[in-house]
Amino acid sequence: MKKIVVYKPLPEETIQYLRSHAEVTIVDPKQPGALIEALKDADGAIGTGVKMNAETLDGATRLKVLSTVSVGFDAFDVDYLNQRGILLTNTPDVLTESTADTAFSLVLLTGRRLAELASYVKAGNWTKKIAEDRFGVDVHHKTLGIIGLGRIGTSVARRAALGFEMNVLYTDQAVNALAEREYGAKKVGLDELLKSSDFVLVQAPLTPETRNLISTPQLKAMKRSAFLINASRGPIVDEPALIEALKDGTIAGAGLDVYWEEPLPAESPLLKLDNVVTLPHIGSATHETRQAMNRNAAENLISALDGNLSANMVNPEVLKR
């Protein structure tokens, strides 16, 4: 019987599904050496939030498949997995709409100052009609620039164009014909997107090319009235540069769901700035979506081990060996 290691808390029904197909070992990756030891005789593993590289996997000589309960896979050394012939699967479709909800919520939260004003009321400060210094800005009919128009970016474009009649610009390696046809999206260069957008949404994967993609020059290219939204990966934005831009008014504000370090340290300057909305990396954090992700990741793992997975493969080229 195949052996599987689970290194993330999963619902009991998902565990039972895995046990109906394989021998399952559940480990706490925070326990020193436990995961490395468990992987030594495993055929597959499922989880997230742990660096999977040569240091972790060197002794896992039987390992054939890794399944991450996420769409992002920057915790995995894909080059090393390719060398070893280990297939990596992810869950790209089931979280698209929930994550798009979160991303567009950040547009509303920043533009209309909703989080700030909610805290203002709860603190007992609403004793008279609010003055103009607490007004937000309109979101409808503004320009949204999306950096990375993949599944999630396209879903955000739909919300923006059809729901709020926003003008949508995007930058991506490929042309998104659907978004251009259905939502009026226009493909432009990064410089034009930054210069023209009222809201700039970072929705790209983290790669060596996108790390610190948004730094001081890019922030200075934005309108002073513009807002930066990051709902993808923290290291795509140069965090110290963003903090400085927020302090000196280079941009109007930011809405963030991701950071360089997570959880965000209590001493982070971002927590002291009124023009920043900080969420605790909740892009896909709904009961329905997380349940679907867990099940999808489990099914990916079993199907891959059985040799009949046809989708959700990060490095399908390893199957051609």
Protein backbone atom coordinates (compact mmCIF):
# COMPACT_ATOMS: atom_id res chain seq x y z
CA MET A 1 0.00 0.00 0.00
CA LYS A 2 1.25 3.49 -0.84
CA LYS A 3 2.42 5.69 2.04
CA ILE A 4 1.41 9.34 2.41
CA VAL A 5 2.64 12.00 4.80
CA VAL A 6 0.27 14.76 5.88
CA TYR A 7 2.10 17.82 7.23
CA LYS A 8 -0.81 20.24 7.55
CA PRO A 9 -4.01 19.98 9.63
CA LEU A 10 -6.73 18.60 7.37
CA PRO A 11 -10.44 17.94 8.04
CA GLU A 12 -11.25 14.45 9.26
CA GLU A 13 -13.23 13.67 6.10
CA THR A 14 -10.17 14.51 3.98
CA ILE A 15 -7.97 12.32 6.17
CA GLN A 16 -10.46 9.48 5.81
CA TYR A 17 -10.45 9.90 2.04
CA LEU A 18 -6.65 9.63 2.00
CA ARG A 19 -6.75 6.59 4.31
CA SER A 20 -9.14 4.83 1.97
CA HIS A 21 -6.38 4.92 -0.66
CA ALA A 22 -3.11 4.80 1.26
CA GLU A 23 -1.34 4.42 4.59
CA VAL A 24 -1.33 7.88 6.19
CA THR A 25 1.19 9.36 8.62
CA ILE A 26 0.35 12.73 10.17
CA VAL A 27 3.29 14.82 11.37
CA ASP A 28 3.79 18.22 12.95
CA PRO A 29 6.39 19.99 10.77
CA LYS A 30 7.33 22.22 13.72
CA GLN A 31 8.68 19.18 15.57
CA PRO A 32 12.40 19.05 14.71
CA GLY A 33 13.23 16.29 12.25
CA ALA A 34 9.74 14.76 12.26
CA LEU A 35 8.87 15.59 8.66
CA ILE A 36 12.26 14.62 7.27
CA GLU A 37 12.07 11.28 9.05
CA ALA A 38 8.49 10.58 7.94
CA LEU A 39 9.30 11.35 4.30
CA LYS A 40 12.04 8.71 4.13
CA ASP A 41 9.62 5.92 3.17
CA ALA A 42 6.78 8.02 1.75
CA ASP A 43 5.43 7.84 -1.79
CA GLY A 44 3.60 11.16 -1.49
CA ALA A 45 3.01 14.10 0.82
CA ILE A 46 0.36 16.78 1.23
CA GLY A 47 0.51 20.10 3.05
CA THR A 48 1.67 23.68 2.79
CA GLY A 49 3.82 26.27 4.53
CA VAL A 50 7.05 24.26 4.67
CA LYS A 51 10.16 24.68 2.55
CA MET A 52 10.46 21.64 0.31
CA ASN A 53 14.01 21.50 -0.99
CA ALA A 54 17.09 19.30 -0.95
CA GLU A 55 17.52 19.74 2.79
CA THR A 56 14.03 18.41 3.48
CA LEU A 57 13.77 15.82 0.73
CA ASP A 58 17.26 14.36 0.34
CA GLY A 59 16.36 11.20 2.26
CA ALA A 60 12.94 10.78 0.65
CA THR A 61 14.13 8.26 -1.92
CA ARG A 62 10.66 6.83 -2.68
CA LEU A 63 8.89 10.14 -3.03
CA LYS A 64 6.95 10.57 -6.27
CA VAL A 65 4.36 13.30 -5.63
CA LEU A 66 4.01 16.43 -3.51
CA SER A 67 0.59 18.08 -3.26
CA THR A 68 0.35 21.65 -1.96
CA VAL A 69 -2.92 22.96 -0.54
CA SER A 70 -2.46 26.28 -2.32
CA VAL A 71 -2.13 27.81 -5.74
CA GLY A 72 1.28 29.34 -4.95
CA PHE A 73 4.31 27.08 -4.88
CA ASP A 74 7.23 29.36 -3.99
CA ALA A 75 7.96 27.17 -0.93
CA PHE A 76 8.98 24.37 -3.32
CA ASP A 77 12.34 24.13 -5.10
CA VAL A 78 10.85 23.14 -8.44
CA ASP A 79 14.25 22.79 -10.11
CA TYR A 80 15.25 20.27 -7.46
CA LEU A 81 11.94 18.43 -7.81
CA ASN A 82 12.52 18.22 -11.56
CA GLN A 83 15.98 16.75 -11.00
CA ARG A 84 14.47 14.14 -8.71
CA GLY A 85 11.48 13.43 -10.96
CA ILE A 86 9.01 14.44 -8.25
CA LEU A 87 5.66 15.77 -9.46
CA LEU A 88 4.21 18.85 -7.72
CA THR A 89 0.46 19.51 -7.79
CA ASN A 90 -1.49 22.57 -6.64
CA THR A 91 -5.08 23.87 -6.36
CA PRO A 92 -5.34 26.76 -8.85
CA ASP A 93 -9.05 26.80 -9.65
CA VAL A 94 -10.99 26.31 -6.44
CA LEU A 95 -9.75 29.47 -4.73
CA THR A 96 -10.02 31.88 -7.68
CA GLU A 97 -13.31 33.56 -6.83
CA SER A 98 -12.73 33.84 -3.07
CA THR A 99 -9.29 35.35 -3.59
CA ALA A 100 -10.68 37.76 -6.18
CA ASP A 101 -13.30 38.81 -3.62
CA THR A 102 -10.52 39.64 -1.17
CA ALA A 103 -8.45 41.52 -3.74
CA PHE A 104 -11.34 43.71 -4.82
CA SER A 105 -12.38 44.21 -1.20
CA LEU A 106 -8.97 45.82 -0.66
CA VAL A 107 -9.74 48.24 -3.48
CA LEU A 108 -12.93 49.28 -1.67
CA LEU A 109 -11.34 49.29 1.78
CA THR A 110 -8.52 51.60 0.70
CA GLY A 111 -10.44 53.90 -1.62
CA ARG A 112 -13.39 54.44 0.72
CA ARG A 113 -11.25 54.21 3.92
CA LEU A 114 -13.70 51.65 5.27
CA ALA A 115 -11.42 49.86 7.75
CA GLU A 116 -10.13 53.15 9.15
CA LEU A 117 -13.63 54.57 9.56
CA ALA A 118 -14.99 51.39 11.12
CA SER A 119 -12.24 51.60 13.75
CA TYR A 120 -13.04 55.31 14.20
CA VAL A 121 -16.64 54.48 15.09
CA LYS A 122 -15.74 51.57 17.39
CA ALA A 123 -13.30 53.82 19.26
CA GLY A 124 -16.21 56.11 20.13
CA ASN A 125 -14.94 58.99 18.02
CA TRP A 126 -18.08 59.47 15.92
CA THR A 127 -19.65 62.29 17.92
CA LYS A 128 -20.63 64.56 15.02
CA LYS A 129 -20.93 64.55 11.25
CA ILE A 130 -17.59 63.58 9.74
CA ALA A 131 -15.58 66.30 8.00
CA GLU A 132 -14.01 66.19 4.56
CA ASP A 133 -10.65 65.13 5.99
CA ARG A 134 -12.16 61.68 6.51
CA PHE A 135 -13.77 61.35 3.07
CA GLY A 136 -12.66 58.60 0.75
CA VAL A 137 -12.63 58.57 -3.05
CA ASP A 138 -14.94 57.02 -5.62
CA VAL A 139 -14.05 53.56 -6.88
CA HIS A 140 -16.59 53.35 -9.69
CA HIS A 141 -15.46 54.60 -13.11
CA LYS A 142 -11.81 54.79 -11.98
CA THR A 143 -8.89 52.96 -13.62
CA LEU A 144 -7.70 49.66 -12.19
CA GLY A 145 -4.29 48.42 -13.31
CA ILE A 146 -3.69 44.71 -12.77
CA ILE A 147 -0.16 43.32 -12.76
CA GLY A 148 -0.66 39.67 -13.73
CA LEU A 149 -3.94 38.85 -15.44
CA GLY A 150 -4.20 35.15 -14.68
CA ARG A 151 -7.22 33.39 -13.20
CA ILE A 152 -7.55 35.63 -10.14
CA GLY A 153 -6.65 38.83 -11.96
CA THR A 154 -9.25 38.07 -14.63
CA SER A 155 -11.91 37.52 -11.97
CA VAL A 156 -11.02 40.86 -10.37
CA ALA A 157 -11.25 42.50 -13.81
CA ARG A 158 -14.78 41.12 -14.16
CA ARG A 159 -15.83 42.62 -10.84
CA ALA A 160 -14.23 45.95 -11.69
CA ALA A 161 -15.53 46.33 -15.24
CA LEU A 162 -19.01 44.87 -14.93
CA GLY A 163 -19.78 45.78 -11.33
CA PHE A 164 -18.12 49.18 -10.99
CA GLU A 165 -17.69 50.25 -14.62
CA MET A 166 -13.97 50.67 -14.09
CA ASN A 167 -11.42 51.02 -16.86
CA VAL A 168 -9.12 47.98 -16.68
CA LEU A 169 -5.47 48.02 -17.74
CA TYR A 170 -3.20 45.03 -17.38
CA THR A 171 0.35 43.89 -17.87
CA ASP A 172 1.18 40.26 -18.47
CA GLN A 173 3.41 38.14 -20.69
CA ALA A 174 0.39 36.88 -22.62
CA VAL A 175 -2.62 38.57 -24.15
CA ASN A 176 -5.81 37.83 -22.21
CA ALA A 177 -8.32 37.72 -25.05
CA LEU A 178 -11.26 36.91 -22.78
CA ALA A 179 -10.66 39.91 -20.52
CA GLU A 180 -10.16 42.19 -23.49
CA ARG A 181 -13.32 40.98 -25.20
CA GLU A 182 -15.63 40.69 -22.18
CA TYR A 183 -14.31 43.36 -19.81
CA GLY A 184 -12.64 45.88 -22.11
CA ALA A 185 -9.24 45.25 -20.56
CA LYS A 186 -6.27 46.84 -22.34
CA LYS A 187 -2.76 45.37 -22.30
CA VAL A 188 -0.10 48.03 -21.66
CA GLY A 189 3.46 48.23 -20.43
CA LEU A 190 4.18 48.46 -16.71
CA ASP A 191 5.22 52.12 -16.94
CA GLU A 192 1.94 53.14 -18.56
CA LEU A 193 -0.08 51.05 -16.13
CA LEU A 194 1.57 52.70 -13.13
CA LYS A 195 1.20 56.20 -14.56
CA SER A 196 -2.47 55.82 -15.54
CA SER A 197 -4.06 53.73 -12.77
CA ASP A 198 -5.97 54.95 -9.73
CA PHE A 199 -5.60 51.51 -8.15
CA VAL A 200 -2.66 49.20 -8.93
CA LEU A 201 -3.30 45.56 -8.08
CA VAL A 202 -0.36 43.16 -7.83
CA GLN A 203 -1.65 39.71 -8.75
CA ALA A 204 1.45 38.02 -10.16
CA PRO A 205 3.29 34.87 -9.06
CA LEU A 206 6.52 35.22 -7.12
CA THR A 207 9.48 34.45 -9.38
CA PRO A 208 13.07 35.74 -9.52
CA GLU A 209 11.83 38.24 -12.12
CA THR A 210 8.94 39.56 -10.01
CA ARG A 211 10.76 39.80 -6.67
CA ASN A 212 10.84 43.51 -5.71
CA LEU A 213 9.10 44.30 -8.99
CA ILE A 214 7.45 47.25 -7.25
CA SER A 215 10.11 49.40 -5.62
CA THR A 216 10.90 53.11 -5.30
CA PRO A 217 10.99 53.94 -9.05
CA GLN A 218 7.66 52.19 -9.67
CA LEU A 219 6.00 53.81 -6.66
CA LYS A 220 7.19 57.24 -7.79
CA ALA A 221 5.71 56.54 -11.23
CA MET A 222 2.24 56.13 -9.71
CA LYS A 223 -0.20 58.98 -9.18
CA ARG A 224 0.06 60.59 -5.76
CA SER A 225 -3.66 59.90 -5.44
CA ALA A 226 -3.28 56.19 -6.31
CA PHE A 227 -3.48 53.11 -4.10
CA LEU A 228 -1.32 49.97 -4.27
CA ILE A 229 -3.03 46.65 -3.61
CA ASN A 230 -1.03 43.45 -3.06
CA ALA A 231 -3.00 40.22 -2.78
CA SER A 232 -0.45 37.86 -4.33
CA ARG A 233 2.97 37.50 -2.67
CA GLY A 234 4.68 39.88 -0.26
CA PRO A 235 8.19 39.90 -1.77
CA ILE A 236 6.90 41.23 -5.11
CA VAL A 237 6.70 44.62 -3.38
CA ASP A 238 9.80 46.18 -1.83
CA GLU A 239 8.34 46.64 1.64
CA PRO A 240 10.76 49.30 2.99
CA ALA A 241 10.27 51.30 -0.20
CA LEU A 242 6.49 51.02 0.17
CA ILE A 243 6.64 52.17 3.79
CA GLU A 244 8.66 55.22 2.79
CA ALA A 245 6.25 56.01 -0.07
CA LEU A 246 3.29 55.79 2.29
CA LYS A 247 4.97 58.04 4.86
CA ASP A 248 5.97 60.79 2.45
CA GLY A 249 2.79 60.79 0.36
CA THR A 250 4.30 59.36 -2.82
CA ILE A 251 1.07 57.34 -3.07
CA ALA A 252 -2.22 57.78 -1.24
CA GLY A 253 -2.36 54.40 0.43
CA ALA A 254 -2.08 50.64 0.23
CA GLY A 255 -4.16 47.54 0.85
CA LEU A 256 -2.14 44.46 1.76
CA ASP A 257 -2.94 40.82 2.35
CA VAL A 258 0.66 39.59 2.04
CA TYR A 259 4.02 40.65 3.46
CA TRP A 260 7.73 39.97 3.51
CA GLU A 261 7.35 38.21 6.86
CA GLU A 262 4.18 36.44 7.94
CA PRO A 263 2.62 36.79 10.43
CA LEU A 264 3.35 40.51 10.21
CA PRO A 265 5.60 41.45 13.16
CA ALA A 266 3.95 43.63 15.80
CA GLU A 267 6.71 46.21 15.37
CA SER A 268 6.13 46.61 11.63
CA PRO A 269 5.82 50.29 10.60
CA LEU A 270 2.89 49.27 8.41
CA LEU A 271 0.76 48.88 11.53
CA LYS A 272 1.36 52.49 12.53
CA LEU A 273 0.20 54.04 9.24
CA ASP A 274 -3.40 55.18 8.86
CA ASN A 275 -3.26 54.94 5.06
CA VAL A 276 -2.67 51.17 5.03
CA VAL A 277 -5.18 48.34 5.29
CA THR A 278 -3.52 45.20 6.64
CA LEU A 279 -5.21 41.81 6.33
CA PRO A 280 -3.78 38.53 7.74
CA HIS A 281 -3.25 36.70 4.41
CA ILE A 282 -6.88 35.67 4.08
CA GLY A 283 -7.20 35.61 0.28
CA SER A 284 -8.86 32.20 0.18
CA ALA A 285 -9.87 31.99 3.84
CA THR A 286 -13.52 31.01 3.67
CA HIS A 287 -14.93 27.78 5.06
CA GLU A 288 -16.19 26.71 1.65
CA THR A 289 -13.00 27.46 -0.26
CA ARG A 290 -10.59 25.95 2.24
CA GLN A 291 -12.67 22.77 2.37
CA ALA A 292 -12.61 22.59 -1.42
CA MET A 293 -8.85 23.21 -1.49
CA ASN A 294 -8.17 20.43 1.01
CA ARG A 295 -10.27 17.96 -0.95
CA ASN A 296 -8.81 19.04 -4.28
CA ALA A 297 -5.25 18.67 -3.01
CA ALA A 298 -6.04 15.21 -1.62
CA GLU A 299 -7.60 14.11 -4.90
CA ASN A 300 -4.63 15.52 -6.81
CA LEU A 301 -2.27 13.44 -4.68
CA ILE A 302 -4.15 10.18 -5.03
CA SER A 303 -4.75 10.60 -8.76
CA ALA A 304 -1.09 11.45 -9.33
CA LEU A 305 0.08 8.42 -7.36
CA ASP A 306 -2.32 6.27 -9.40
CA GLY A 307 -0.91 7.75 -12.61
CA ASN A 308 -4.11 9.33 -13.91
CA LEU A 309 -3.91 13.02 -12.95
CA SER A 310 -4.51 15.28 -15.96
CA ALA A 311 -4.62 18.78 -14.40
CA ASN A 312 -3.24 20.92 -11.56
CA MET A 313 0.37 19.92 -12.25
CA VAL A 314 3.08 22.52 -11.65
CA ASN A 315 5.83 20.55 -13.42
CA PRO A 316 4.13 18.03 -15.72
CA GLU A 317 7.36 17.64 -17.69
CA VAL A 318 8.61 15.14 -15.08
CA LEU A 319 6.01 12.67 -16.32
CA LYS A 320 7.67 12.53 -19.75
CA ARG A 321 10.82 10.95 -18.39
